[in-house]
C-alpha atoms as a PDB file:
ATOM      1  CA  UNK A   1      77.139 254.035  65.791  1.00  0.00           C
ATOM      2  CA  UNK A   2      80.673 256.228  65.917  1.00  0.00           C
ATOM      3  CA  UNK A   3      81.016 254.906  62.387  1.00  0.00           C
ATOM      4  CA  UNK A   4      78.188 256.033  61.118  1.00  0.00           C
ATOM      5  CA  UNK A   5      78.601 259.511  61.109  1.00  0.00           C
ATOM      6  CA  UNK A   6      81.915 258.849  59.357  1.00  0.00           C
ATOM      7  CA  UNK A   7      80.289 256.934  57.031  1.00  0.00           C
ATOM      8  CA  UNK A   8      77.652 259.835  56.343  1.00  0.00           C
ATOM      9  CA  UNK A   9      80.550 262.359  56.024  1.00  0.00           C
ATOM     10  CA  UNK A  10      82.024 260.137  53.643  1.00  0.00           C
ATOM     11  CA  UNK A  11      78.677 259.853  51.550  1.00  0.00           C
ATOM     12  CA  UNK A  12      78.202 263.442  51.597  1.00  0.00           C
ATOM     13  CA  UNK A  13      81.462 263.850  49.682  1.00  0.00           C
ATOM     14  CA  UNK A  14      80.443 261.517  47.171  1.00  0.00           C
ATOM     15  CA  UNK A  15      76.889 262.101  47.112  1.00  0.00           C
ATOM     16  CA  UNK A  16      77.612 265.549  46.356  1.00  0.00           C
ATOM     17  CA  UNK A  17      80.656 265.162  43.245  1.00  0.00           C
ATOM     18  CA  UNK A  18      78.090 263.225  41.623  1.00  0.00           C
ATOM     19  CA  UNK A  19      75.079 265.252  41.709  1.00  0.00           C
ATOM     20  CA  UNK A  20      77.075 268.542  41.094  1.00  0.00           C
ATOM     21  CA  UNK A  21      74.914 270.328  37.785  1.00  0.00           C
ATOM     22  CA  UNK A  22      76.705 271.700  35.030  1.00  0.00           C
ATOM     23  CA  UNK A  23      76.872 275.019  33.588  1.00  0.00           C
ATOM     24  CA  UNK A  24      76.147 275.880  30.147  1.00  0.00           C
ATOM     25  CA  UNK A  25      78.993 275.922  27.854  1.00  0.00           C
ATOM     26  CA  UNK A  26      79.997 279.361  26.951  1.00  0.00           C
ATOM     27  CA  UNK A  27      83.112 280.795  26.250  1.00  0.00           C
ATOM     28  CA  UNK A  28      85.688 282.355  28.512  1.00  0.00           C
ATOM     29  CA  UNK A  29      85.636 285.627  29.099  1.00  0.00           C
ATOM     30  CA  UNK A  30      89.022 285.500  30.830  1.00  0.00           C
ATOM     31  CA  UNK A  31      92.434 284.456  29.789  1.00  0.00           C
ATOM     32  CA  UNK A  32      95.957 284.638  30.475  1.00  0.00           C
ATOM     33  CA  UNK A  33      98.319 284.708  26.629  1.00  0.00           C
ATOM     34  CA  UNK A  34     101.808 283.839  26.527  1.00  0.00           C
ATOM     35  CA  UNK A  35     104.236 283.878  23.970  1.00  0.00           C
ATOM     36  CA  UNK A  36     106.243 280.233  24.550  1.00  0.00           C
ATOM     37  CA  UNK A  37     108.404 278.906  21.987  1.00  0.00           C
ATOM     38  CA  UNK A  38     107.386 280.500  19.178  1.00  0.00           C
ATOM     39  CA  UNK A  39     103.998 280.120  19.794  1.00  0.00           C
ATOM     40  CA  UNK A  40     101.280 282.156  21.028  1.00  0.00           C
ATOM     41  CA  UNK A  41      99.266 280.598  24.055  1.00  0.00           C
ATOM     42  CA  UNK A  42      96.056 281.477  25.942  1.00  0.00           C
ATOM     43  CA  UNK A  43      94.657 279.911  28.861  1.00  0.00           C
ATOM     44  CA  UNK A  44      92.074 280.047  31.627  1.00  0.00           C
ATOM     45  CA  UNK A  45      88.689 278.391  32.994  1.00  0.00           C
ATOM     46  CA  UNK A  46      86.041 277.133  30.205  1.00  0.00           C
ATOM     47  CA  UNK A  47      83.710 278.739  32.246  1.00  0.00           C
ATOM     48  CA  UNK A  48      84.080 282.271  33.522  1.00  0.00           C
ATOM     49  CA  UNK A  49      82.533 283.101  35.977  1.00  0.00           C
ATOM     50  CA  UNK A  50      84.268 280.052  38.082  1.00  0.00           C
ATOM     51  CA  UNK A  51      82.127 279.175  40.498  1.00  0.00           C
ATOM     52  CA  UNK A  52      83.606 276.480  43.404  1.00  0.00           C
ATOM     53  CA  UNK A  53      81.418 273.031  43.327  1.00  0.00           C
ATOM     54  CA  UNK A  54      80.874 273.460  39.217  1.00  0.00           C
ATOM     55  CA  UNK A  55      82.304 270.984  36.382  1.00  0.00           C
ATOM     56  CA  UNK A  56      84.997 273.025  34.779  1.00  0.00           C
ATOM     57  CA  UNK A  57      87.979 272.885  32.769  1.00  0.00           C
ATOM     58  CA  UNK A  58      91.471 274.134  32.631  1.00  0.00           C
ATOM     59  CA  UNK A  59      91.586 275.331  28.852  1.00  0.00           C
ATOM     60  CA  UNK A  60      95.257 275.630  26.712  1.00  0.00           C
ATOM     61  CA  UNK A  61      95.139 277.046  22.980  1.00  0.00           C
ATOM     62  CA  UNK A  62      97.932 277.550  21.166  1.00  0.00           C
ATOM     63  CA  UNK A  63      98.609 278.991  17.941  1.00  0.00           C
ATOM     64  CA  UNK A  64     101.437 280.113  15.570  1.00  0.00           C
ATOM     65  CA  UNK A  65     102.546 283.428  16.693  1.00  0.00           C
ATOM     66  CA  UNK A  66     103.042 286.422  14.960  1.00  0.00           C
ATOM     67  CA  UNK A  67     106.335 286.673  12.711  1.00  0.00           C
ATOM     68  CA  UNK A  68     106.519 282.797  13.392  1.00  0.00           C
ATOM     69  CA  UNK A  69     106.740 281.523   9.775  1.00  0.00           C
ATOM     70  CA  UNK A  70     104.053 283.740   8.340  1.00  0.00           C
ATOM     71  CA  UNK A  71     104.980 282.255   5.009  1.00  0.00           C
ATOM     72  CA  UNK A  72     105.977 278.537   6.113  1.00  0.00           C
ATOM     73  CA  UNK A  73     106.599 275.963   3.855  1.00  0.00           C
ATOM     74  CA  UNK A  74     104.999 273.281   3.810  1.00  0.00           C
ATOM     75  CA  UNK A  75     106.950 270.523   5.168  1.00  0.00           C
ATOM     76  CA  UNK A  76     108.388 273.202   7.868  1.00  0.00           C
ATOM     77  CA  UNK A  77     109.281 273.303  11.228  1.00  0.00           C
ATOM     78  CA  UNK A  78     107.681 276.591  11.108  1.00  0.00           C
ATOM     79  CA  UNK A  79     103.823 277.631  11.530  1.00  0.00           C
ATOM     80  CA  UNK A  80     102.196 280.268  10.455  1.00  0.00           C
ATOM     81  CA  UNK A  81     100.614 282.532  12.346  1.00  0.00           C
ATOM     82  CA  UNK A  82      97.414 282.015  14.192  1.00  0.00           C
ATOM     83  CA  UNK A  83      97.738 278.597  12.812  1.00  0.00           C
ATOM     84  CA  UNK A  84      95.954 276.167  15.523  1.00  0.00           C
ATOM     85  CA  UNK A  85      99.056 273.468  16.590  1.00  0.00           C
ATOM     86  CA  UNK A  86      97.178 270.363  16.335  1.00  0.00           C
ATOM     87  CA  UNK A  87      99.827 267.716  17.780  1.00  0.00           C
ATOM     88  CA  UNK A  88     100.238 268.321  20.830  1.00  0.00           C
ATOM     89  CA  UNK A  89     100.648 266.002  23.714  1.00  0.00           C
ATOM     90  CA  UNK A  90     100.147 267.695  26.885  1.00  0.00           C
ATOM     91  CA  UNK A  91      99.785 266.914  30.446  1.00  0.00           C
ATOM     92  CA  UNK A  92      98.635 269.579  33.473  1.00  0.00           C
ATOM     93  CA  UNK A  93      98.861 269.852  37.247  1.00  0.00           C
ATOM     94  CA  UNK A  94      96.631 272.013  38.778  1.00  0.00           C
ATOM     95  CA  UNK A  95      97.693 273.471  42.125  1.00  0.00           C
ATOM     96  CA  UNK A  96      95.459 275.450  44.652  1.00  0.00           C
ATOM     97  CA  UNK A  97      97.207 278.412  45.723  1.00  0.00           C
ATOM     98  CA  UNK A  98      99.869 280.781  43.967  1.00  0.00           C
ATOM     99  CA  UNK A  99     102.714 278.777  42.739  1.00  0.00           C
ATOM    100  CA  UNK A 100     103.464 274.686  42.453  1.00  0.00           C
ATOM    101  CA  UNK A 101     103.357 274.042  47.045  1.00  0.00           C
ATOM    102  CA  UNK A 102      99.823 273.957  47.327  1.00  0.00           C
ATOM    103  CA  UNK A 103      97.278 270.816  47.668  1.00  0.00           C
ATOM    104  CA  UNK A 104      97.402 269.487  43.497  1.00  0.00           C
ATOM    105  CA  UNK A 105      95.418 266.898  40.986  1.00  0.00           C
ATOM    106  CA  UNK A 106      97.130 265.746  38.196  1.00  0.00           C
ATOM    107  CA  UNK A 107      98.982 265.088  35.879  1.00  0.00           C
ATOM    108  CA  UNK A 108      95.543 265.104  33.907  1.00  0.00           C
ATOM    109  CA  UNK A 109      95.752 264.906  29.947  1.00  0.00           C
ATOM    110  CA  UNK A 110      95.056 267.865  28.330  1.00  0.00           C
ATOM    111  CA  UNK A 111      92.384 266.238  25.376  1.00  0.00           C
ATOM    112  CA  UNK A 112      91.727 268.180  21.822  1.00  0.00           C
ATOM    113  CA  UNK A 113      88.584 270.029  22.149  1.00  0.00           C
ATOM    114  CA  UNK A 114      86.027 268.583  19.532  1.00  0.00           C
ATOM    115  CA  UNK A 115      85.604 271.303  16.466  1.00  0.00           C
ATOM    116  CA  UNK A 116      88.420 273.987  17.927  1.00  0.00           C
ATOM    117  CA  UNK A 117      91.824 273.166  16.836  1.00  0.00           C
ATOM    118  CA  UNK A 118      93.982 274.053  18.734  1.00  0.00           C
ATOM    119  CA  UNK A 119      92.394 273.950  21.998  1.00  0.00           C
ATOM    120  CA  UNK A 120      92.858 270.933  24.356  1.00  0.00           C
ATOM    121  CA  UNK A 121      91.128 270.812  27.708  1.00  0.00           C
ATOM    122  CA  UNK A 122      91.085 268.745  30.769  1.00  0.00           C
ATOM    123  CA  UNK A 123      87.846 268.640  33.358  1.00  0.00           C
ATOM    124  CA  UNK A 124      87.992 269.495  36.614  1.00  0.00           C
ATOM    125  CA  UNK A 125      85.312 270.153  39.835  1.00  0.00           C
ATOM    126  CA  UNK A 126      87.360 273.118  41.938  1.00  0.00           C
ATOM    127  CA  UNK A 127      85.963 272.455  45.023  1.00  0.00           C
ATOM    128  CA  UNK A 128      87.412 276.287  47.351  1.00  0.00           C
ATOM    129  CA  UNK A 129      87.042 279.485  45.912  1.00  0.00           C
ATOM    130  CA  UNK A 130      90.461 281.421  45.907  1.00  0.00           C
ATOM    131  CA  UNK A 131      93.348 281.218  43.524  1.00  0.00           C
ATOM    132  CA  UNK A 132      95.064 278.355  41.793  1.00  0.00           C
ATOM    133  CA  UNK A 133      97.997 277.548  39.260  1.00  0.00           C
ATOM    134  CA  UNK A 134      98.092 275.668  36.071  1.00  0.00           C
ATOM    135  CA  UNK A 135     101.147 273.518  35.318  1.00  0.00           C
ATOM    136  CA  UNK A 136     101.450 272.625  31.970  1.00  0.00           C
ATOM    137  CA  UNK A 137     103.874 270.881  30.015  1.00  0.00           C
ATOM    138  CA  UNK A 138     104.698 268.268  27.178  1.00  0.00           C
ATOM    139  CA  UNK A 139     105.245 268.895  23.353  1.00  0.00           C
ATOM    140  CA  UNK A 140     103.860 270.932  20.569  1.00  0.00           C
ATOM    141  CA  UNK A 141     105.014 271.498  17.142  1.00  0.00           C
ATOM    142  CA  UNK A 142     108.197 269.840  17.681  1.00  0.00           C
ATOM    143  CA  UNK A 143     108.624 271.989  20.766  1.00  0.00           C
ATOM    144  CA  UNK A 144     109.102 271.469  24.151  1.00  0.00           C
ATOM    145  CA  UNK A 145     105.755 273.217  26.581  1.00  0.00           C
ATOM    146  CA  UNK A 146     106.924 273.590  30.205  1.00  0.00           C
ATOM    147  CA  UNK A 147     104.875 276.642  31.796  1.00  0.00           C
ATOM    148  CA  UNK A 148     103.108 277.843  34.462  1.00  0.00           C
ATOM    149  CA  UNK A 149     100.215 280.235  34.668  1.00  0.00           C
ATOM    150  CA  UNK A 150      98.317 281.400  37.850  1.00  0.00           C
ATOM    151  CA  UNK A 151      95.027 282.595  38.477  1.00  0.00           C
ATOM    152  CA  UNK A 152      93.753 286.455  39.222  1.00  0.00           C
ATOM    153  CA  UNK A 153      96.604 289.288  40.442  1.00  0.00           C
ATOM    154  CA  UNK A 154      98.904 287.072  41.914  1.00  0.00           C
ATOM    155  CA  UNK A 155      99.378 285.511  38.165  1.00  0.00           C
ATOM    156  CA  UNK A 156      99.537 288.866  36.975  1.00  0.00           C
ATOM    157  CA  UNK A 157     103.549 289.135  35.153  1.00  0.00           C
ATOM    158  CA  UNK A 158     105.203 291.070  32.368  1.00  0.00           C
ATOM    159  CA  UNK A 159     105.621 287.846  30.244  1.00  0.00           C
ATOM    160  CA  UNK A 160     102.261 287.532  30.044  1.00  0.00           C
ATOM    161  CA  UNK A 161      99.326 289.409  28.776  1.00  0.00           C
ATOM    162  CA  UNK A 162      95.793 289.608  31.420  1.00  0.00           C
ATOM    163  CA  UNK A 163      94.754 287.481  33.692  1.00  0.00           C
ATOM    164  CA  UNK A 164      92.285 284.426  34.022  1.00  0.00           C
ATOM    165  CA  UNK A 165      89.889 284.609  37.284  1.00  0.00           C
ATOM    166  CA  UNK A 166      90.050 283.461  40.411  1.00  0.00           C
ATOM    167  CA  UNK A 167      87.916 280.578  41.538  1.00  0.00           C
ATOM    168  CA  UNK A 168      85.573 282.522  42.969  1.00  0.00           C
ATOM    169  CA  UNK A 169      82.488 281.324  46.084  1.00  0.00           C
ATOM    170  CA  UNK A 170      79.067 280.627  44.677  1.00  0.00           C
ATOM    171  CA  UNK A 171      77.426 282.349  47.427  1.00  0.00           C
ATOM    172  CA  UNK A 172      78.392 285.686  46.298  1.00  0.00           C
ATOM    173  CA  UNK A 173      75.879 285.400  43.795  1.00  0.00           C
ATOM    174  CA  UNK A 174      73.247 283.430  45.588  1.00  0.00           C
ATOM    175  CA  UNK A 175      69.709 284.919  45.793  1.00  0.00           C
ATOM    176  CA  UNK A 176      67.538 285.655  47.535  1.00  0.00           C
ATOM    177  CA  UNK A 177      68.961 282.969  50.022  1.00  0.00           C
ATOM    178  CA  UNK A 178      72.429 282.030  50.871  1.00  0.00           C
ATOM    179  CA  UNK A 179      72.767 278.213  51.114  1.00  0.00           C
ATOM    180  CA  UNK A 180      75.740 276.420  52.556  1.00  0.00           C
ATOM    181  CA  UNK A 181      78.222 275.462  49.791  1.00  0.00           C
ATOM    182  CA  UNK A 182      79.549 271.935  49.618  1.00  0.00           C
ATOM    183  CA  UNK A 183      82.613 272.612  50.657  1.00  0.00           C
ATOM    184  CA  UNK A 184      81.324 274.452  53.951  1.00  0.00           C
ATOM    185  CA  UNK A 185      79.288 271.001  54.199  1.00  0.00           C
ATOM    186  CA  UNK A 186      81.853 269.044  54.167  1.00  0.00           C
ATOM    187  CA  UNK A 187      83.816 270.950  56.682  1.00  0.00           C
ATOM    188  CA  UNK A 188      80.733 271.105  58.739  1.00  0.00           C
ATOM    189  CA  UNK A 189      80.221 267.252  58.044  1.00  0.00           C
ATOM    190  CA  UNK A 190      84.485 266.809  59.465  1.00  0.00           C
ATOM    191  CA  UNK A 191      83.755 268.952  62.819  1.00  0.00           C
ATOM    192  CA  UNK A 192      80.510 267.014  64.036  1.00  0.00           C
ATOM    193  CA  UNK A 193      82.878 263.810  63.184  1.00  0.00           C
ATOM    194  CA  UNK A 194      85.777 265.517  65.410  1.00  0.00           C
ATOM    195  CA  UNK A 195      83.263 266.043  68.574  1.00  0.00           C
ATOM    196  CA  UNK A 196      81.953 261.883  67.589  1.00  0.00           C
ATOM    197  CA  UNK A 197      85.196 260.623  68.851  1.00  0.00           C
ATOM    198  CA  UNK A 198      86.201 262.664  70.962  1.00  0.00           C
ATOM    199  CA  UNK A 199      82.281 261.431  72.746  1.00  0.00           C
ATOM    200  CA  UNK A 200      82.285 258.500  75.458  1.00  0.00           C
ATOM    201  CA  UNK A 201      79.998 256.430  73.761  1.00  0.00           C
ATOM    202  CA  UNK A 202      77.863 256.564  77.021  1.00  0.00           C
ATOM    203  CA  UNK A 203      75.858 260.093  75.800  1.00  0.00           C
ATOM    204  CA  UNK A 204      73.370 258.817  73.601  1.00  0.00           C
ATOM    205  CA  UNK A 205      71.346 261.817  72.880  1.00  0.00           C
ATOM    206  CA  UNK A 206      74.647 263.472  71.921  1.00  0.00           C
ATOM    207  CA  UNK A 207      74.960 261.384  69.343  1.00  0.00           C
ATOM    208  CA  UNK A 208      72.048 260.648  68.406  1.00  0.00           C
ATOM    209  CA  UNK A 209      71.619 264.528  67.305  1.00  0.00           C
ATOM    210  CA  UNK A 210      74.873 264.888  65.893  1.00  0.00           C
ATOM    211  CA  UNK A 211      73.775 262.160  63.401  1.00  0.00           C
ATOM    212  CA  UNK A 212      70.560 263.835  62.653  1.00  0.00           C
ATOM    213  CA  UNK A 213      72.189 267.007  62.406  1.00  0.00           C
ATOM    214  CA  UNK A 214      74.478 265.203  60.047  1.00  0.00           C
ATOM    215  CA  UNK A 215      71.498 264.309  57.825  1.00  0.00           C
ATOM    216  CA  UNK A 216      70.077 267.985  58.091  1.00  0.00           C
ATOM    217  CA  UNK A 217      73.681 269.095  56.537  1.00  0.00           C
ATOM    218  CA  UNK A 218      73.560 266.251  54.017  1.00  0.00           C
ATOM    219  CA  UNK A 219      70.066 267.682  52.466  1.00  0.00           C
ATOM    220  CA  UNK A 220      71.389 271.047  52.875  1.00  0.00           C
ATOM    221  CA  UNK A 221      74.825 270.085  50.600  1.00  0.00           C
ATOM    222  CA  UNK A 222      72.044 268.200  47.898  1.00  0.00           C
ATOM    223  CA  UNK A 223      70.101 271.378  47.968  1.00  0.00           C
ATOM    224  CA  UNK A 224      73.001 273.463  46.588  1.00  0.00           C
ATOM    225  CA  UNK A 225      74.289 271.323  44.209  1.00  0.00           C
ATOM    226  CA  UNK A 226      70.680 271.351  42.333  1.00  0.00           C
ATOM    227  CA  UNK A 227      70.033 274.867  42.857  1.00  0.00           C
ATOM    228  CA  UNK A 228      73.717 276.101  41.485  1.00  0.00           C
ATOM    229  CA  UNK A 229      75.142 279.754  41.271  1.00  0.00           C
ATOM    230  CA  UNK A 230      72.515 282.020  39.875  1.00  0.00           C
ATOM    231  CA  UNK A 231      72.761 282.537  36.323  1.00  0.00           C
ATOM    232  CA  UNK A 232      73.826 279.496  35.261  1.00  0.00           C
END
């Protein structure tokens, strides 16, 4: 019986990840721009506003920088202003929080975006609202790239122009009802799991009630995944 609720929690996590809706593709509205080794780079989320619990992607765009080989000869190592850099071999680590000390995923390949030269993407499903940090590294245009970009106010700096958005909580735009997010469902299942582990095993009704509560949270989580945030 104790194992049942633990298995239920694990199934809930996997099931929610699989059933997550995909927001329609649209241009991102917030980016961070930075001059790096003779290139102009642009970084942000592929979907803006960015809501936790939904498929998104790290977007990295790299082009020849203003004043860097505007009239470069063929075969030159220089790249004309605005020229997409299409030979990049890049990876990204994504950290939850400001800086590179939090939970992380990766390195993940930044793959060339189809039909958009100079643009590279790495897909993921951010599960918590808050600040995220991207560590982008590799080579592009014969130059080494090793840069750190942080979302929101924490990422503002003199070397960059603008910022990309922090991940937002989808409940902020839910209407008319506020439903549990996938992360909130997981947290509540974890608390139920802990209560069950602490039980003596003799209170059958308590155990049954916990399992039924877990099933209710599963149903709520699936409903959240199907609805998505307003306007997506």
